[in-house]
C-alpha atoms as a PDB file:
ATOM      1  CA  MET A   1    -126.843-142.076  55.805  1.00  0.00           C
ATOM      2  CA  ALA A   2    -126.823-141.361  52.056  1.00  0.00           C
ATOM      3  CA  GLY A   3    -123.748-139.182  52.436  1.00  0.00           C
ATOM      4  CA  ARG A   4    -121.912-141.861  54.435  1.00  0.00           C
ATOM      5  CA  SER A   5    -122.968-144.527  51.909  1.00  0.00           C
ATOM      6  CA  ASP A   6    -121.580-142.438  49.049  1.00  0.00           C
ATOM      7  CA  ARG A   7    -118.356-141.927  50.985  1.00  0.00           C
ATOM      8  CA  ILE A   8    -117.921-145.670  51.540  1.00  0.00           C
ATOM      9  CA  LYS A   9    -118.508-146.311  47.830  1.00  0.00           C
ATOM     10  CA  ALA A  10    -115.993-143.592  46.953  1.00  0.00           C
ATOM     11  CA  ASP A  11    -113.374-145.105  49.282  1.00  0.00           C
ATOM     12  CA  ILE A  12    -113.877-148.519  47.683  1.00  0.00           C
ATOM     13  CA  VAL A  13    -113.548-147.033  44.186  1.00  0.00           C
ATOM     14  CA  LEU A  14    -110.361-145.184  45.155  1.00  0.00           C
ATOM     15  CA  LEU A  15    -108.915-148.396  46.608  1.00  0.00           C
ATOM     16  CA  VAL A  16    -109.664-150.190  43.326  1.00  0.00           C
ATOM     17  CA  VAL A  17    -107.990-147.293  41.489  1.00  0.00           C
ATOM     18  CA  ALA A  18    -104.892-147.722  43.669  1.00  0.00           C
ATOM     19  CA  ALA A  19    -104.836-151.427  42.767  1.00  0.00           C
ATOM     20  CA  VAL A  20    -105.210-150.648  39.066  1.00  0.00           C
ATOM     21  CA  TRP A  21    -102.404-148.080  39.170  1.00  0.00           C
ATOM     22  CA  GLY A  22    -100.188-150.440  41.139  1.00  0.00           C
ATOM     23  CA  GLY A  23    -100.584-153.077  38.437  1.00  0.00           C
ATOM     24  CA  GLY A  24     -99.816-150.383  35.885  1.00  0.00           C
ATOM     25  CA  PHE A  25     -96.202-150.220  37.081  1.00  0.00           C
ATOM     26  CA  VAL A  26     -95.640-153.643  35.534  1.00  0.00           C
ATOM     27  CA  ALA A  27     -97.084-152.428  32.223  1.00  0.00           C
ATOM     28  CA  GLN A  28     -94.940-149.284  32.313  1.00  0.00           C
ATOM     29  CA  ARG A  29     -91.766-151.254  33.021  1.00  0.00           C
ATOM     30  CA  LEU A  30     -92.470-153.669  30.194  1.00  0.00           C
ATOM     31  CA  GLY A  31     -93.471-150.893  27.802  1.00  0.00           C
ATOM     32  CA  SER A  32     -90.369-148.837  28.564  1.00  0.00           C
ATOM     33  CA  GLN A  33     -88.242-151.633  27.111  1.00  0.00           C
ATOM     34  CA  HIS A  34     -89.546-150.792  23.635  1.00  0.00           C
ATOM     35  CA  VAL A  35     -90.519-147.101  23.535  1.00  0.00           C
ATOM     36  CA  GLY A  36     -89.606-143.825  25.196  1.00  0.00           C
ATOM     37  CA  PHE A  37     -91.681-142.536  28.089  1.00  0.00           C
ATOM     38  CA  PHE A  38     -93.227-139.654  26.161  1.00  0.00           C
ATOM     39  CA  VAL A  39     -94.217-142.028  23.365  1.00  0.00           C
ATOM     40  CA  PHE A  40     -95.653-144.490  25.858  1.00  0.00           C
ATOM     41  CA  GLY A  41     -97.528-141.662  27.589  1.00  0.00           C
ATOM     42  CA  ALA A  42     -98.903-140.374  24.288  1.00  0.00           C
ATOM     43  CA  ALA A  43    -100.135-143.846  23.374  1.00  0.00           C
ATOM     44  CA  ARG A  44    -101.739-144.570  26.758  1.00  0.00           C
ATOM     45  CA  TYR A  45    -103.535-141.239  27.046  1.00  0.00           C
ATOM     46  CA  ILE A  46    -104.737-141.294  23.441  1.00  0.00           C
ATOM     47  CA  VAL A  47    -106.027-144.853  23.923  1.00  0.00           C
ATOM     48  CA  GLY A  48    -107.698-143.709  27.145  1.00  0.00           C
ATOM     49  CA  ALA A  49    -109.379-140.830  25.305  1.00  0.00           C
ATOM     50  CA  LEU A  50    -110.584-143.133  22.511  1.00  0.00           C
ATOM     51  CA  VAL A  51    -112.073-145.525  25.074  1.00  0.00           C
ATOM     52  CA  MET A  52    -113.968-142.658  26.730  1.00  0.00           C
ATOM     53  CA  LEU A  53    -115.137-141.067  23.475  1.00  0.00           C
ATOM     54  CA  PRO A  54    -118.155-143.377  22.847  1.00  0.00           C
ATOM     55  CA  PHE A  55    -119.554-142.422  26.264  1.00  0.00           C
ATOM     56  CA  VAL A  56    -119.571-138.702  25.455  1.00  0.00           C
ATOM     57  CA  ARG A  57    -122.740-137.647  23.636  1.00  0.00           C
ATOM     58  CA  ARG A  58    -121.911-133.969  23.755  1.00  0.00           C
ATOM     59  CA  MET A  59    -119.471-131.601  25.429  1.00  0.00           C
ATOM     60  CA  ASP A  60    -121.343-129.224  27.688  1.00  0.00           C
ATOM     61  CA  ILE A  61    -118.775-128.369  30.344  1.00  0.00           C
ATOM     62  CA  PRO A  62    -119.460-124.789  31.538  1.00  0.00           C
ATOM     63  CA  ARG A  63    -117.072-122.387  29.867  1.00  0.00           C
ATOM     64  CA  LYS A  64    -115.679-121.137  33.185  1.00  0.00           C
ATOM     65  CA  TRP A  65    -114.515-124.662  34.107  1.00  0.00           C
ATOM     66  CA  LEU A  66    -112.980-125.550  30.732  1.00  0.00           C
ATOM     67  CA  PRO A  67    -109.603-123.820  31.344  1.00  0.00           C
ATOM     68  CA  TRP A  68    -109.358-125.581  34.720  1.00  0.00           C
ATOM     69  CA  SER A  69    -110.078-128.933  33.060  1.00  0.00           C
ATOM     70  CA  ILE A  70    -107.309-128.281  30.537  1.00  0.00           C
ATOM     71  CA  LEU A  71    -104.968-127.267  33.375  1.00  0.00           C
ATOM     72  CA  THR A  72    -105.713-130.569  35.130  1.00  0.00           C
ATOM     73  CA  GLY A  73    -104.636-132.446  32.002  1.00  0.00           C
ATOM     74  CA  ALA A  74    -101.466-130.348  31.849  1.00  0.00           C
ATOM     75  CA  PHE A  75    -100.692-131.243  35.481  1.00  0.00           C
ATOM     76  CA  LEU A  76    -101.240-134.918  34.635  1.00  0.00           C
ATOM     77  CA  PHE A  77     -98.718-134.691  31.786  1.00  0.00           C
ATOM     78  CA  THR A  78     -96.190-132.653  33.799  1.00  0.00           C
ATOM     79  CA  ALA A  79     -96.314-134.916  36.848  1.00  0.00           C
ATOM     80  CA  SER A  80     -95.836-138.020  34.708  1.00  0.00           C
ATOM     81  CA  ALA A  81     -92.979-136.431  32.749  1.00  0.00           C
ATOM     82  CA  LEU A  82     -91.117-135.222  35.840  1.00  0.00           C
ATOM     83  CA  GLN A  83     -91.481-138.618  37.481  1.00  0.00           C
ATOM     84  CA  GLN A  84     -89.957-140.364  34.492  1.00  0.00           C
ATOM     85  CA  ALA A  85     -87.227-137.743  33.985  1.00  0.00           C
ATOM     86  CA  GLY A  86     -86.202-138.112  37.616  1.00  0.00           C
ATOM     87  CA  ILE A  87     -85.985-141.896  37.366  1.00  0.00           C
ATOM     88  CA  ALA A  88     -83.209-141.451  34.766  1.00  0.00           C
ATOM     89  CA  THR A  89     -80.845-140.153  37.467  1.00  0.00           C
ATOM     90  CA  THR A  90     -82.181-141.734  40.655  1.00  0.00           C
ATOM     91  CA  THR A  91     -83.327-145.120  41.857  1.00  0.00           C
ATOM     92  CA  ALA A  92     -86.830-146.470  41.331  1.00  0.00           C
ATOM     93  CA  GLY A  93     -87.158-146.728  45.119  1.00  0.00           C
ATOM     94  CA  ASN A  94     -86.283-143.063  45.615  1.00  0.00           C
ATOM     95  CA  ALA A  95     -88.726-142.091  42.860  1.00  0.00           C
ATOM     96  CA  ALA A  96     -91.548-144.082  44.415  1.00  0.00           C
ATOM     97  CA  PHE A  97     -90.882-142.720  47.901  1.00  0.00           C
ATOM     98  CA  ILE A  98     -90.552-139.065  46.892  1.00  0.00           C
ATOM     99  CA  THR A  99     -93.605-139.272  44.655  1.00  0.00           C
ATOM    100  CA  GLY A 100     -95.485-140.713  47.631  1.00  0.00           C
ATOM    101  CA  LEU A 101     -94.789-137.511  49.561  1.00  0.00           C
ATOM    102  CA  TYR A 102     -97.891-136.049  47.903  1.00  0.00           C
ATOM    103  CA  VAL A 103     -99.754-137.752  50.778  1.00  0.00           C
ATOM    104  CA  VAL A 104     -98.332-135.031  53.054  1.00  0.00           C
ATOM    105  CA  ILE A 105     -98.178-132.273  50.427  1.00  0.00           C
ATOM    106  CA  VAL A 106    -101.932-132.431  49.764  1.00  0.00           C
ATOM    107  CA  PRO A 107    -103.071-131.527  53.316  1.00  0.00           C
ATOM    108  CA  ILE A 108    -100.387-128.812  53.473  1.00  0.00           C
ATOM    109  CA  LEU A 109    -101.613-127.223  50.238  1.00  0.00           C
ATOM    110  CA  MET A 110    -105.252-127.666  51.236  1.00  0.00           C
ATOM    111  CA  ALA A 111    -104.592-125.943  54.567  1.00  0.00           C
ATOM    112  CA  PHE A 112    -102.945-123.056  52.700  1.00  0.00           C
ATOM    113  CA  ILE A 113    -105.770-122.798  50.138  1.00  0.00           C
ATOM    114  CA  THR A 114    -108.711-123.164  52.502  1.00  0.00           C
ATOM    115  CA  ARG A 115    -106.991-121.699  55.593  1.00  0.00           C
ATOM    116  CA  LYS A 116    -108.376-124.652  57.521  1.00  0.00           C
ATOM    117  CA  PRO A 117    -105.776-127.103  58.870  1.00  0.00           C
ATOM    118  CA  ALA A 118    -106.421-130.789  58.294  1.00  0.00           C
ATOM    119  CA  PRO A 119    -107.580-132.838  61.311  1.00  0.00           C
ATOM    120  CA  GLY A 120    -104.795-134.157  63.509  1.00  0.00           C
ATOM    121  CA  ILE A 121    -105.631-137.756  62.634  1.00  0.00           C
ATOM    122  CA  THR A 122    -105.049-136.972  58.957  1.00  0.00           C
ATOM    123  CA  TRP A 123    -101.536-135.726  59.719  1.00  0.00           C
ATOM    124  CA  ILE A 124    -100.761-138.758  61.861  1.00  0.00           C
ATOM    125  CA  ALA A 125    -101.993-141.155  59.170  1.00  0.00           C
ATOM    126  CA  ALA A 126    -100.124-139.254  56.442  1.00  0.00           C
ATOM    127  CA  ILE A 127     -96.819-139.397  58.355  1.00  0.00           C
ATOM    128  CA  ILE A 128     -97.268-143.135  59.002  1.00  0.00           C
ATOM    129  CA  ALA A 129     -97.978-143.647  55.289  1.00  0.00           C
ATOM    130  CA  VAL A 130     -94.863-141.690  54.283  1.00  0.00           C
ATOM    131  CA  ILE A 131     -92.646-143.719  56.620  1.00  0.00           C
ATOM    132  CA  GLY A 132     -94.272-146.907  55.311  1.00  0.00           C
ATOM    133  CA  THR A 133     -93.596-145.799  51.738  1.00  0.00           C
ATOM    134  CA  LEU A 134     -89.952-145.145  52.663  1.00  0.00           C
ATOM    135  CA  PHE A 135     -89.617-148.683  54.040  1.00  0.00           C
ATOM    136  CA  LEU A 136     -91.449-150.252  51.106  1.00  0.00           C
ATOM    137  CA  SER A 137     -89.769-148.323  48.282  1.00  0.00           C
ATOM    138  CA  THR A 138     -86.191-148.032  49.516  1.00  0.00           C
ATOM    139  CA  GLY A 139     -85.879-150.722  52.177  1.00  0.00           C
ATOM    140  CA  GLY A 140     -85.366-147.930  54.712  1.00  0.00           C
ATOM    141  CA  GLN A 141     -82.189-146.660  53.024  1.00  0.00           C
ATOM    142  CA  LEU A 142     -82.632-143.361  51.173  1.00  0.00           C
ATOM    143  CA  SER A 143     -79.575-142.186  49.236  1.00  0.00           C
ATOM    144  CA  LEU A 144     -80.236-138.826  47.582  1.00  0.00           C
ATOM    145  CA  ALA A 145     -79.465-138.390  43.876  1.00  0.00           C
ATOM    146  CA  SER A 146     -79.693-135.551  41.351  1.00  0.00           C
ATOM    147  CA  GLY A 147     -83.024-136.730  39.957  1.00  0.00           C
ATOM    148  CA  ASP A 148     -84.694-136.509  43.365  1.00  0.00           C
ATOM    149  CA  LEU A 149     -85.402-132.795  42.922  1.00  0.00           C
ATOM    150  CA  LEU A 150     -87.373-133.575  39.768  1.00  0.00           C
ATOM    151  CA  GLU A 151     -89.276-136.254  41.664  1.00  0.00           C
ATOM    152  CA  LEU A 152     -90.077-133.781  44.446  1.00  0.00           C
ATOM    153  CA  ILE A 153     -91.392-131.205  41.958  1.00  0.00           C
ATOM    154  CA  GLY A 154     -93.370-134.029  40.368  1.00  0.00           C
ATOM    155  CA  ALA A 155     -94.868-134.888  43.770  1.00  0.00           C
ATOM    156  CA  PHE A 156     -96.135-131.301  44.029  1.00  0.00           C
ATOM    157  CA  MET A 157     -97.619-131.648  40.527  1.00  0.00           C
ATOM    158  CA  TRP A 158     -99.408-134.877  41.550  1.00  0.00           C
ATOM    159  CA  ALA A 159    -100.711-133.101  44.648  1.00  0.00           C
ATOM    160  CA  CYS A 160    -102.003-130.184  42.565  1.00  0.00           C
ATOM    161  CA  HIS A 161    -103.589-132.628  40.115  1.00  0.00           C
ATOM    162  CA  LEU A 162    -105.372-134.419  42.956  1.00  0.00           C
ATOM    163  CA  ILE A 163    -106.575-131.149  44.517  1.00  0.00           C
ATOM    164  CA  LEU A 164    -107.885-129.846  41.186  1.00  0.00           C
ATOM    165  CA  ILE A 165    -109.837-133.057  40.659  1.00  0.00           C
ATOM    166  CA  GLY A 166    -111.285-132.718  44.141  1.00  0.00           C
ATOM    167  CA  LYS A 167    -112.454-129.174  43.385  1.00  0.00           C
ATOM    168  CA  LEU A 168    -113.762-129.794  39.856  1.00  0.00           C
ATOM    169  CA  SER A 169    -115.282-133.288  40.024  1.00  0.00           C
ATOM    170  CA  PRO A 170    -118.456-132.254  41.911  1.00  0.00           C
ATOM    171  CA  LYS A 171    -119.105-129.428  39.433  1.00  0.00           C
ATOM    172  CA  ILE A 172    -118.757-131.032  35.987  1.00  0.00           C
ATOM    173  CA  ASN A 173    -119.512-134.252  34.141  1.00  0.00           C
ATOM    174  CA  VAL A 174    -117.032-136.973  35.120  1.00  0.00           C
ATOM    175  CA  ILE A 175    -116.749-138.522  31.647  1.00  0.00           C
ATOM    176  CA  GLN A 176    -116.323-135.217  29.840  1.00  0.00           C
ATOM    177  CA  PHE A 177    -113.788-133.989  32.394  1.00  0.00           C
ATOM    178  CA  SER A 178    -111.799-137.216  32.098  1.00  0.00           C
ATOM    179  CA  LEU A 179    -111.823-137.039  28.299  1.00  0.00           C
ATOM    180  CA  ILE A 180    -110.380-133.518  28.343  1.00  0.00           C
ATOM    181  CA  GLN A 181    -107.640-134.640  30.752  1.00  0.00           C
ATOM    182  CA  TYR A 182    -106.578-137.494  28.492  1.00  0.00           C
ATOM    183  CA  VAL A 183    -106.667-135.448  25.287  1.00  0.00           C
ATOM    184  CA  VAL A 184    -104.512-132.713  26.820  1.00  0.00           C
ATOM    185  CA  ALA A 185    -102.018-135.130  28.387  1.00  0.00           C
ATOM    186  CA  GLY A 186    -101.940-137.225  25.191  1.00  0.00           C
ATOM    187  CA  CYS A 187    -101.302-134.241  22.908  1.00  0.00           C
ATOM    188  CA  LEU A 188     -98.557-132.834  25.136  1.00  0.00           C
ATOM    189  CA  SER A 189     -96.929-136.279  25.386  1.00  0.00           C
ATOM    190  CA  LEU A 190     -97.150-136.714  21.607  1.00  0.00           C
ATOM    191  CA  ILE A 191     -95.462-133.365  20.972  1.00  0.00           C
ATOM    192  CA  ALA A 192     -92.678-134.211  23.444  1.00  0.00           C
ATOM    193  CA  GLY A 193     -92.324-137.682  21.912  1.00  0.00           C
ATOM    194  CA  LEU A 194     -91.978-136.298  18.387  1.00  0.00           C
ATOM    195  CA  ILE A 195     -89.287-133.875  19.584  1.00  0.00           C
ATOM    196  CA  PHE A 196     -87.260-136.079  21.926  1.00  0.00           C
ATOM    197  CA  GLU A 197     -88.103-139.737  21.197  1.00  0.00           C
ATOM    198  CA  PHE A 198     -89.135-139.945  17.555  1.00  0.00           C
ATOM    199  CA  GLN A 199     -86.864-142.931  16.922  1.00  0.00           C
ATOM    200  CA  THR A 200     -88.756-145.065  19.472  1.00  0.00           C
ATOM    201  CA  PHE A 201     -92.215-144.871  17.846  1.00  0.00           C
ATOM    202  CA  GLY A 202     -91.475-148.095  15.957  1.00  0.00           C
ATOM    203  CA  GLY A 203     -91.410-149.993  19.256  1.00  0.00           C
ATOM    204  CA  LEU A 204     -95.150-149.460  19.797  1.00  0.00           C
ATOM    205  CA  SER A 205     -95.892-152.642  17.877  1.00  0.00           C
ATOM    206  CA  GLN A 206     -93.987-154.604  20.535  1.00  0.00           C
ATOM    207  CA  ALA A 207     -95.379-152.634  23.470  1.00  0.00           C
ATOM    208  CA  TRP A 208     -99.048-152.829  22.441  1.00  0.00           C
ATOM    209  CA  MET A 209    -100.113-155.056  25.353  1.00  0.00           C
ATOM    210  CA  ALA A 210     -98.540-152.712  27.897  1.00  0.00           C
ATOM    211  CA  VAL A 211    -100.085-149.717  26.134  1.00  0.00           C
ATOM    212  CA  ALA A 212    -103.495-151.431  26.111  1.00  0.00           C
ATOM    213  CA  TYR A 213    -103.362-152.048  29.867  1.00  0.00           C
ATOM    214  CA  ALA A 214    -102.098-148.560  30.649  1.00  0.00           C
ATOM    215  CA  GLY A 215    -104.555-146.893  28.277  1.00  0.00           C
ATOM    216  CA  ILE A 216    -107.693-148.874  29.039  1.00  0.00           C
ATOM    217  CA  ILE A 217    -107.220-149.999  32.643  1.00  0.00           C
ATOM    218  CA  SER A 218    -104.854-147.482  34.281  1.00  0.00           C
ATOM    219  CA  THR A 219    -106.084-144.427  32.380  1.00  0.00           C
ATOM    220  CA  ALA A 220    -109.674-144.850  31.164  1.00  0.00           C
ATOM    221  CA  ILE A 221    -110.787-146.828  34.221  1.00  0.00           C
ATOM    222  CA  GLY A 222    -108.235-145.689  36.811  1.00  0.00           C
ATOM    223  CA  PHE A 223    -108.154-141.917  36.374  1.00  0.00           C
ATOM    224  CA  THR A 224    -111.886-141.788  35.636  1.00  0.00           C
ATOM    225  CA  GLY A 225    -112.529-143.763  38.823  1.00  0.00           C
ATOM    226  CA  GLN A 226    -110.350-141.265  40.686  1.00  0.00           C
ATOM    227  CA  VAL A 227    -112.497-138.374  39.421  1.00  0.00           C
ATOM    228  CA  TRP A 228    -115.696-140.139  40.502  1.00  0.00           C
ATOM    229  CA  GLY A 229    -114.291-141.135  43.876  1.00  0.00           C
ATOM    230  CA  GLN A 230    -113.130-137.624  44.673  1.00  0.00           C
ATOM    231  CA  GLN A 231    -116.651-136.326  44.252  1.00  0.00           C
ATOM    232  CA  HIS A 232    -117.349-137.758  47.697  1.00  0.00           C
ATOM    233  CA  ALA A 233    -113.930-138.102  49.402  1.00  0.00           C
ATOM    234  CA  PRO A 234    -111.865-135.145  50.720  1.00  0.00           C
ATOM    235  CA  ALA A 235    -108.577-134.626  48.882  1.00  0.00           C
ATOM    236  CA  ALA A 236    -106.392-135.496  51.889  1.00  0.00           C
ATOM    237  CA  ASP A 237    -108.276-138.742  52.538  1.00  0.00           C
ATOM    238  CA  ALA A 238    -108.207-139.612  48.829  1.00  0.00           C
ATOM    239  CA  ALA A 239    -104.430-139.128  48.821  1.00  0.00           C
ATOM    240  CA  LEU A 240    -104.088-141.572  51.710  1.00  0.00           C
ATOM    241  CA  ILE A 241    -106.181-144.250  50.018  1.00  0.00           C
ATOM    242  CA  LEU A 242    -104.346-143.773  46.723  1.00  0.00           C
ATOM    243  CA  SER A 243    -101.034-144.237  48.579  1.00  0.00           C
ATOM    244  CA  MET A 244    -101.968-147.919  48.601  1.00  0.00           C
ATOM    245  CA  GLU A 245    -100.762-147.830  44.997  1.00  0.00           C
ATOM    246  CA  ALA A 246     -97.253-148.460  46.339  1.00  0.00           C
ATOM    247  CA  VAL A 247     -98.435-151.625  48.092  1.00  0.00           C
ATOM    248  CA  PHE A 248    -100.222-152.928  45.003  1.00  0.00           C
ATOM    249  CA  ALA A 249     -97.207-152.048  42.840  1.00  0.00           C
ATOM    250  CA  ALA A 250     -94.952-154.110  45.103  1.00  0.00           C
ATOM    251  CA  LEU A 251     -97.469-156.965  45.084  1.00  0.00           C
ATOM    252  CA  SER A 252     -97.653-156.846  41.267  1.00  0.00           C
ATOM    253  CA  GLY A 253     -93.874-156.927  41.068  1.00  0.00           C
ATOM    254  CA  TYR A 254     -93.860-159.958  43.349  1.00  0.00           C
ATOM    255  CA  LEU A 255     -96.488-161.795  41.277  1.00  0.00           C
ATOM    256  CA  PHE A 256     -95.415-160.903  37.745  1.00  0.00           C
ATOM    257  CA  LEU A 257     -91.762-159.801  37.857  1.00  0.00           C
ATOM    258  CA  ALA A 258     -90.456-162.250  40.489  1.00  0.00           C
ATOM    259  CA  GLU A 259     -89.491-159.370  42.810  1.00  0.00           C
ATOM    260  CA  ARG A 260     -89.162-160.243  46.480  1.00  0.00           C
ATOM    261  CA  PHE A 261     -90.124-158.545  49.756  1.00  0.00           C
ATOM    262  CA  THR A 262     -87.663-157.946  52.562  1.00  0.00           C
ATOM    263  CA  PRO A 263     -89.043-157.858  56.123  1.00  0.00           C
ATOM    264  CA  ILE A 264     -88.754-154.058  56.259  1.00  0.00           C
ATOM    265  CA  GLN A 265     -90.641-153.739  52.965  1.00  0.00           C
ATOM    266  CA  PHE A 266     -93.398-155.922  54.354  1.00  0.00           C
ATOM    267  CA  LEU A 267     -93.493-153.651  57.414  1.00  0.00           C
ATOM    268  CA  GLY A 268     -93.875-150.700  55.054  1.00  0.00           C
ATOM    269  CA  CYS A 269     -96.908-152.342  53.432  1.00  0.00           C
ATOM    270  CA  VAL A 270     -98.474-152.918  56.854  1.00  0.00           C
ATOM    271  CA  MET A 271     -97.854-149.298  57.864  1.00  0.00           C
ATOM    272  CA  ILE A 272     -99.441-147.866  54.721  1.00  0.00           C
ATOM    273  CA  PHE A 273    -102.457-150.135  55.066  1.00  0.00           C
ATOM    274  CA  GLY A 274    -102.725-149.270  58.752  1.00  0.00           C
ATOM    275  CA  ALA A 275    -102.560-145.529  57.985  1.00  0.00           C
ATOM    276  CA  VAL A 276    -105.436-145.832  55.531  1.00  0.00           C
ATOM    277  CA  LEU A 277    -107.548-147.789  58.021  1.00  0.00           C
ATOM    278  CA  LEU A 278    -106.743-145.296  60.779  1.00  0.00           C
ATOM    279  CA  ALA A 279    -107.868-142.323  58.690  1.00  0.00           C
ATOM    280  CA  GLN A 280    -111.083-144.037  57.588  1.00  0.00           C
ATOM    281  CA  LEU A 281    -112.140-145.726  60.842  1.00  0.00           C
ATOM    282  CA  TRP A 282    -111.171-143.046  63.369  1.00  0.00           C
ATOM    283  CA  PRO A 283    -114.077-140.687  62.463  1.00  0.00           C
ATOM    284  CA  LEU A 284    -116.538-143.570  62.895  1.00  0.00           C
ATOM    285  CA  PHE A 285    -115.019-144.491  66.260  1.00  0.00           C
ATOM    286  CA  LYS A 286    -115.069-140.841  67.331  1.00  0.00           C
ATOM    287  CA  ASP A 287    -118.748-140.445  66.343  1.00  0.00           C
ATOM    288  CA  LYS A 288    -119.655-143.582  68.276  1.00  0.00           C
ATOM    289  CA  MET A 289    -117.836-142.374  71.390  1.00  0.00           C
ATOM    290  CA  GLU A 290    -119.564-138.980  71.190  1.00  0.00           C
ATOM    291  CA  GLN A 291    -122.965-140.667  70.852  1.00  0.00           C
ATOM    292  CA  GLN A 292    -122.272-142.814  73.905  1.00  0.00           C
ATOM    293  CA  ALA A 293    -121.250-139.718  75.856  1.00  0.00           C
ATOM    294  CA  VAL A 294    -124.538-137.994  74.945  1.00  0.00           C
ATOM    295  CA  ASN A 295    -126.664-141.109  75.481  1.00  0.00           C
ATOM    296  CA  PRO A 296    -124.923-143.162  78.218  1.00  0.00           C
END
């Protein structure tokens, strides 16, 4: 029962993380009006690191896991950068949909790494979630553009980031691991910002509210919550729950940016939510049916 209780808590935390990240799209859109993406990323990750710093009494991550922790931060930076670079030459809908393909990429990579295929129900739920993301993000009309390749590579980077967290989070301190992620991503973003977007640093004074949300809520709380949640949730299931980010992003756009839903976008939301419920409730239903078969 303890294991199942921890899993339920982890699923709830990951759902909250999805909501936090979905709201972060509003902050990123508002912040991008004043600063470049690399500059915004540097600010958010550095703020996230500063928020976490008071909770770290000492750094005692085992030496063998330190390079992997740094690599996770590098994947976080790379995935974010590719996503933003792709948006420059494709639509936001395409970017959201292609990024959401990590829901399918994760079980594929996990099957390759572990040589154990994901359960059939995971594949069914993942495919439903991908179709739902297509409806929600693009209205069902996907027109390929040059930036889509960058988005696809970015989706693989997000998948690798999620898998690494799943492997490392049970082995090392969550707070320390999160701090390393943010420092690495922040430093890499700062270097890129100084090289490519130096002229936009002055806009940080106007984007401070967006940076505060992204740094404190999306990063310090969101990504740290992801690390904790993945201590108890398999990577493929975590990817499905986190796909709810698209639904919360659309809801945030509706509430704060006056964006509107079409019927097919609403259907997409329902499909994603249904896929998450299917993946989480099917094992419970299956266990109950097996118990009834043993004890009629």
